[in-house]
Amino acid sequence: MSDKPRPCPICSRPRVAAVAPFCSERCRDRDLSRWFGEGYAVPGRPALPEEIARAED
């Protein structure tokens, strides 16, 4: 197993501790934008409206 730091998941540049696991605020914001824009998804079936309503109670 290597102790070599993993690169930024967006652009593969070296990570910066202040914005880890990214290299810059720009890459961090690009990642967040992908989540908001449904560029990423968690595997599984979509939640039914009734399940969402129960979870909010």
PDB file of N, CA and C in Angstrom:
ATOM      1  N   MET A   1       0.846  -1.188   0.000  1.00  0.00           N
ATOM      2  CA  MET A   1       0.000   0.000   0.000  1.00  0.00           C
ATOM      3  C   MET A   1       0.888   1.246   0.000  1.00  0.00           C
ATOM      4  N   SER A   2       0.581   2.190  -0.846  1.00  0.00           N
ATOM      5  CA  SER A   2       1.370   3.401  -0.994  1.00  0.00           C
ATOM      6  C   SER A   2       0.816   4.514  -0.119  1.00  0.00           C
ATOM      7  N   ASP A   3       1.728   5.302   0.458  1.00  0.00           N
ATOM      8  CA  ASP A   3       1.320   6.456   1.258  1.00  0.00           C
ATOM      9  C   ASP A   3       1.313   7.727   0.422  1.00  0.00           C
ATOM     10  N   LYS A   4       1.451   7.575  -0.891  1.00  0.00           N
ATOM     11  CA  LYS A   4       1.461   8.716  -1.795  1.00  0.00           C
ATOM     12  C   LYS A   4       0.084   9.373  -1.790  1.00  0.00           C
ATOM     13  N   PRO A   5       0.033  10.715  -1.617  1.00  0.00           N
ATOM     14  CA  PRO A   5      -1.268  11.401  -1.612  1.00  0.00           C
ATOM     15  C   PRO A   5      -1.991  11.230  -2.944  1.00  0.00           C
ATOM     16  N   ARG A   6      -3.290  11.073  -2.864  1.00  0.00           N
ATOM     17  CA  ARG A   6      -4.098  10.937  -4.081  1.00  0.00           C
ATOM     18  C   ARG A   6      -4.296  12.317  -4.694  1.00  0.00           C
ATOM     19  N   PRO A   7      -4.372  12.383  -6.019  1.00  0.00           N
ATOM     20  CA  PRO A   7      -4.543  13.674  -6.686  1.00  0.00           C
ATOM     21  C   PRO A   7      -5.986  14.179  -6.593  1.00  0.00           C
ATOM     22  N   CYS A   8      -6.166  15.401  -7.019  1.00  0.00           N
ATOM     23  CA  CYS A   8      -7.493  16.016  -7.097  1.00  0.00           C
ATOM     24  C   CYS A   8      -8.382  15.145  -7.979  1.00  0.00           C
ATOM     25  N   PRO A   9      -9.589  14.810  -7.527  1.00  0.00           N
ATOM     26  CA  PRO A   9     -10.464  13.945  -8.317  1.00  0.00           C
ATOM     27  C   PRO A   9     -11.024  14.618  -9.577  1.00  0.00           C
ATOM     28  N   ILE A  10     -10.904  15.925  -9.690  1.00  0.00           N
ATOM     29  CA  ILE A  10     -11.425  16.635 -10.855  1.00  0.00           C
ATOM     30  C   ILE A  10     -10.360  16.784 -11.940  1.00  0.00           C
ATOM     31  N   CYS A  11      -9.161  17.250 -11.568  1.00  0.00           N
ATOM     32  CA  CYS A  11      -8.152  17.564 -12.587  1.00  0.00           C
ATOM     33  C   CYS A  11      -6.843  16.792 -12.438  1.00  0.00           C
ATOM     34  N   SER A  12      -6.707  16.016 -11.391  1.00  0.00           N
ATOM     35  CA  SER A  12      -5.528  15.175 -11.122  1.00  0.00           C
ATOM     36  C   SER A  12      -4.278  15.938 -10.692  1.00  0.00           C
ATOM     37  N   ARG A  13      -4.397  17.208 -10.378  1.00  0.00           N
ATOM     38  CA  ARG A  13      -3.252  17.956  -9.826  1.00  0.00           C
ATOM     39  C   ARG A  13      -3.103  17.582  -8.359  1.00  0.00           C
ATOM     40  N   PRO A  14      -1.960  17.939  -7.745  1.00  0.00           N
ATOM     41  CA  PRO A  14      -1.772  17.644  -6.311  1.00  0.00           C
ATOM     42  C   PRO A  14      -2.805  18.369  -5.451  1.00  0.00           C
ATOM     43  N   ARG A  15      -3.240  17.692  -4.400  1.00  0.00           N
ATOM     44  CA  ARG A  15      -4.215  18.267  -3.466  1.00  0.00           C
ATOM     45  C   ARG A  15      -3.619  19.429  -2.686  1.00  0.00           C
ATOM     46  N   VAL A  16      -4.498  20.310  -2.203  1.00  0.00           N
ATOM     47  CA  VAL A  16      -4.126  21.410  -1.325  1.00  0.00           C
ATOM     48  C   VAL A  16      -4.929  21.213  -0.043  1.00  0.00           C
ATOM     49  N   ALA A  17      -4.256  21.223   1.096  1.00  0.00           N
ATOM     50  CA  ALA A  17      -4.904  20.907   2.373  1.00  0.00           C
ATOM     51  C   ALA A  17      -6.127  21.776   2.654  1.00  0.00           C
ATOM     52  N   ALA A  18      -6.088  23.041   2.299  1.00  0.00           N
ATOM     53  CA  ALA A  18      -7.195  23.953   2.607  1.00  0.00           C
ATOM     54  C   ALA A  18      -8.484  23.592   1.885  1.00  0.00           C
ATOM     55  N   VAL A  19      -8.399  22.910   0.750  1.00  0.00           N
ATOM     56  CA  VAL A  19      -9.589  22.560  -0.027  1.00  0.00           C
ATOM     57  C   VAL A  19      -9.636  21.062  -0.334  1.00  0.00           C
ATOM     58  N   ALA A  20      -8.916  20.270   0.461  1.00  0.00           N
ATOM     59  CA  ALA A  20      -8.844  18.818   0.244  1.00  0.00           C
ATOM     60  C   ALA A  20     -10.238  18.229   0.191  1.00  0.00           C
ATOM     61  N   PRO A  21     -10.466  17.289  -0.673  1.00  0.00           N
ATOM     62  CA  PRO A  21      -9.520  16.523  -1.483  1.00  0.00           C
ATOM     63  C   PRO A  21      -9.230  17.148  -2.837  1.00  0.00           C
ATOM     64  N   PHE A  22      -9.515  18.430  -3.000  1.00  0.00           N
ATOM     65  CA  PHE A  22      -9.317  19.100  -4.276  1.00  0.00           C
ATOM     66  C   PHE A  22      -8.021  19.903  -4.266  1.00  0.00           C
ATOM     67  N   CYS A  23      -7.678  20.451  -5.441  1.00  0.00           N
ATOM     68  CA  CYS A  23      -6.459  21.250  -5.559  1.00  0.00           C
ATOM     69  C   CYS A  23      -6.753  22.736  -5.466  1.00  0.00           C
ATOM     70  N   SER A  24      -8.018  23.115  -5.669  1.00  0.00           N
ATOM     71  CA  SER A  24      -8.374  24.534  -5.674  1.00  0.00           C
ATOM     72  C   SER A  24      -9.865  24.696  -5.391  1.00  0.00           C
ATOM     73  N   GLU A  25     -10.244  25.924  -5.096  1.00  0.00           N
ATOM     74  CA  GLU A  25     -11.665  26.213  -4.897  1.00  0.00           C
ATOM     75  C   GLU A  25     -12.439  25.992  -6.194  1.00  0.00           C
ATOM     76  N   ARG A  26     -11.795  26.246  -7.321  1.00  0.00           N
ATOM     77  CA  ARG A  26     -12.453  26.042  -8.618  1.00  0.00           C
ATOM     78  C   ARG A  26     -12.854  24.581  -8.786  1.00  0.00           C
ATOM     79  N   CYS A  27     -11.947  23.645  -8.503  1.00  0.00           N
ATOM     80  CA  CYS A  27     -12.274  22.223  -8.627  1.00  0.00           C
ATOM     81  C   CYS A  27     -13.329  21.812  -7.598  1.00  0.00           C
ATOM     82  N   ARG A  28     -13.240  22.363  -6.412  1.00  0.00           N
ATOM     83  CA  ARG A  28     -14.248  22.067  -5.381  1.00  0.00           C
ATOM     84  C   ARG A  28     -15.630  22.525  -5.853  1.00  0.00           C
ATOM     85  N   ASP A  29     -15.690  23.716  -6.437  1.00  0.00           N
ATOM     86  CA  ASP A  29     -16.968  24.242  -6.926  1.00  0.00           C
ATOM     87  C   ASP A  29     -17.472  23.451  -8.135  1.00  0.00           C
ATOM     88  N   ARG A  30     -16.579  22.996  -8.997  1.00  0.00           N
ATOM     89  CA  ARG A  30     -16.993  22.162 -10.144  1.00  0.00           C
ATOM     90  C   ARG A  30     -17.626  20.864  -9.648  1.00  0.00           C
ATOM     91  N   ASP A  31     -17.045  20.271  -8.604  1.00  0.00           N
ATOM     92  CA  ASP A  31     -17.591  19.047  -8.037  1.00  0.00           C
ATOM     93  C   ASP A  31     -18.982  19.299  -7.452  1.00  0.00           C
ATOM     94  N   LEU A  32     -19.130  20.377  -6.712  1.00  0.00           N
ATOM     95  CA  LEU A  32     -20.428  20.715  -6.129  1.00  0.00           C
ATOM     96  C   LEU A  32     -21.466  20.955  -7.222  1.00  0.00           C
ATOM     97  N   SER A  33     -21.054  21.614  -8.283  1.00  0.00           N
ATOM     98  CA  SER A  33     -21.950  21.859  -9.405  1.00  0.00           C
ATOM     99  C   SER A  33     -22.420  20.554 -10.041  1.00  0.00           C
ATOM    100  N   ARG A  34     -21.545  19.570 -10.121  1.00  0.00           N
ATOM    101  CA  ARG A  34     -21.931  18.268 -10.667  1.00  0.00           C
ATOM    102  C   ARG A  34     -22.988  17.610  -9.796  1.00  0.00           C
ATOM    103  N   TRP A  35     -22.871  17.725  -8.477  1.00  0.00           N
ATOM    104  CA  TRP A  35     -23.894  17.150  -7.586  1.00  0.00           C
ATOM    105  C   TRP A  35     -25.223  17.866  -7.784  1.00  0.00           C
ATOM    106  N   PHE A  36     -25.193  19.202  -7.826  1.00  0.00           N
ATOM    107  CA  PHE A  36     -26.434  19.964  -7.996  1.00  0.00           C
ATOM    108  C   PHE A  36     -27.064  19.720  -9.359  1.00  0.00           C
ATOM    109  N   GLY A  37     -26.242  19.533 -10.384  1.00  0.00           N
ATOM    110  CA  GLY A  37     -26.741  19.339 -11.732  1.00  0.00           C
ATOM    111  C   GLY A  37     -27.033  17.894 -12.062  1.00  0.00           C
ATOM    112  N   GLU A  38     -27.023  17.033 -11.066  1.00  0.00           N
ATOM    113  CA  GLU A  38     -27.297  15.604 -11.217  1.00  0.00           C
ATOM    114  C   GLU A  38     -26.268  14.899 -12.101  1.00  0.00           C
ATOM    115  N   GLY A  39     -25.039  15.433 -12.106  1.00  0.00           N
ATOM    116  CA  GLY A  39     -23.955  14.776 -12.816  1.00  0.00           C
ATOM    117  C   GLY A  39     -23.480  13.538 -12.077  1.00  0.00           C
ATOM    118  N   TYR A  40     -23.750  13.488 -10.791  1.00  0.00           N
ATOM    119  CA  TYR A  40     -23.438  12.330  -9.962  1.00  0.00           C
ATOM    120  C   TYR A  40     -24.764  11.762  -9.461  1.00  0.00           C
ATOM    121  N   ALA A  41     -24.741  10.501  -9.111  1.00  0.00           N
ATOM    122  CA  ALA A  41     -25.934   9.893  -8.546  1.00  0.00           C
ATOM    123  C   ALA A  41     -25.534   8.777  -7.593  1.00  0.00           C
ATOM    124  N   VAL A  42     -26.296   8.619  -6.548  1.00  0.00           N
ATOM    125  CA  VAL A  42     -26.094   7.528  -5.606  1.00  0.00           C
ATOM    126  C   VAL A  42     -26.911   6.351  -6.127  1.00  0.00           C
ATOM    127  N   PRO A  43     -26.306   5.173  -6.258  1.00  0.00           N
ATOM    128  CA  PRO A  43     -27.049   4.045  -6.816  1.00  0.00           C
ATOM    129  C   PRO A  43     -28.231   3.640  -5.938  1.00  0.00           C
ATOM    130  N   GLY A  44     -29.276   3.228  -6.577  1.00  0.00           N
ATOM    131  CA  GLY A  44     -30.468   2.766  -5.874  1.00  0.00           C
ATOM    132  C   GLY A  44     -31.717   3.268  -6.572  1.00  0.00           C
ATOM    133  N   ARG A  45     -32.830   2.771  -6.134  1.00  0.00           N
ATOM    134  CA  ARG A  45     -34.080   3.200  -6.740  1.00  0.00           C
ATOM    135  C   ARG A  45     -34.460   4.584  -6.219  1.00  0.00           C
ATOM    136  N   PRO A  46     -35.184   5.360  -6.992  1.00  0.00           N
ATOM    137  CA  PRO A  46     -35.640   6.669  -6.523  1.00  0.00           C
ATOM    138  C   PRO A  46     -36.611   6.507  -5.351  1.00  0.00           C
ATOM    139  N   ALA A  47     -36.574   7.447  -4.428  1.00  0.00           N
ATOM    140  CA  ALA A  47     -37.485   7.418  -3.282  1.00  0.00           C
ATOM    141  C   ALA A  47     -38.886   7.793  -3.734  1.00  0.00           C
ATOM    142  N   LEU A  48     -39.867   7.120  -3.179  1.00  0.00           N
ATOM    143  CA  LEU A  48     -41.266   7.431  -3.457  1.00  0.00           C
ATOM    144  C   LEU A  48     -41.676   8.654  -2.645  1.00  0.00           C
ATOM    145  N   PRO A  49     -42.599   9.472  -3.149  1.00  0.00           N
ATOM    146  CA  PRO A  49     -43.029  10.662  -2.407  1.00  0.00           C
ATOM    147  C   PRO A  49     -43.503  10.330  -0.989  1.00  0.00           C
ATOM    148  N   GLU A  50     -44.163   9.167  -0.818  1.00  0.00           N
ATOM    149  CA  GLU A  50     -44.643   8.786   0.514  1.00  0.00           C
ATOM    150  C   GLU A  50     -43.463   8.547   1.466  1.00  0.00           C
ATOM    151  N   GLU A  51     -42.383   7.999   0.958  1.00  0.00           N
ATOM    152  CA  GLU A  51     -41.207   7.730   1.796  1.00  0.00           C
ATOM    153  C   GLU A  51     -40.549   9.037   2.202  1.00  0.00           C
ATOM    154  N   ILE A  52     -40.525   9.990   1.306  1.00  0.00           N
ATOM    155  CA  ILE A  52     -39.939  11.310   1.617  1.00  0.00           C
ATOM    156  C   ILE A  52     -40.780  11.997   2.678  1.00  0.00           C
ATOM    157  N   ALA A  53     -42.109  11.941   2.553  1.00  0.00           N
ATOM    158  CA  ALA A  53     -43.005  12.573   3.526  1.00  0.00           C
ATOM    159  C   ALA A  53     -42.825  11.949   4.908  1.00  0.00           C
ATOM    160  N   ARG A  54     -42.692  10.624   4.966  1.00  0.00           N
ATOM    161  CA  ARG A  54     -42.489   9.942   6.260  1.00  0.00           C
ATOM    162  C   ARG A  54     -41.157  10.362   6.881  1.00  0.00           C
ATOM    163  N   ALA A  55     -40.129  10.505   6.087  1.00  0.00           N
ATOM    164  CA  ALA A  55     -38.807  10.873   6.595  1.00  0.00           C
ATOM    165  C   ALA A  55     -38.795  12.301   7.144  1.00  0.00           C
ATOM    166  N   GLU A  56     -39.630  13.157   6.593  1.00  0.00           N
ATOM    167  CA  GLU A  56     -39.692  14.558   7.046  1.00  0.00           C
ATOM    168  C   GLU A  56     -40.447  14.696   8.357  1.00  0.00           C
ATOM    169  N   ASP A  57     -41.264  13.732   8.723  1.00  0.00           N
ATOM    170  CA  ASP A  57     -42.032  13.784   9.980  1.00  0.00           C
ATOM    171  C   ASP A  57     -41.199  13.478  11.180  1.00  0.00           C
TER     172      ASP A  57
END
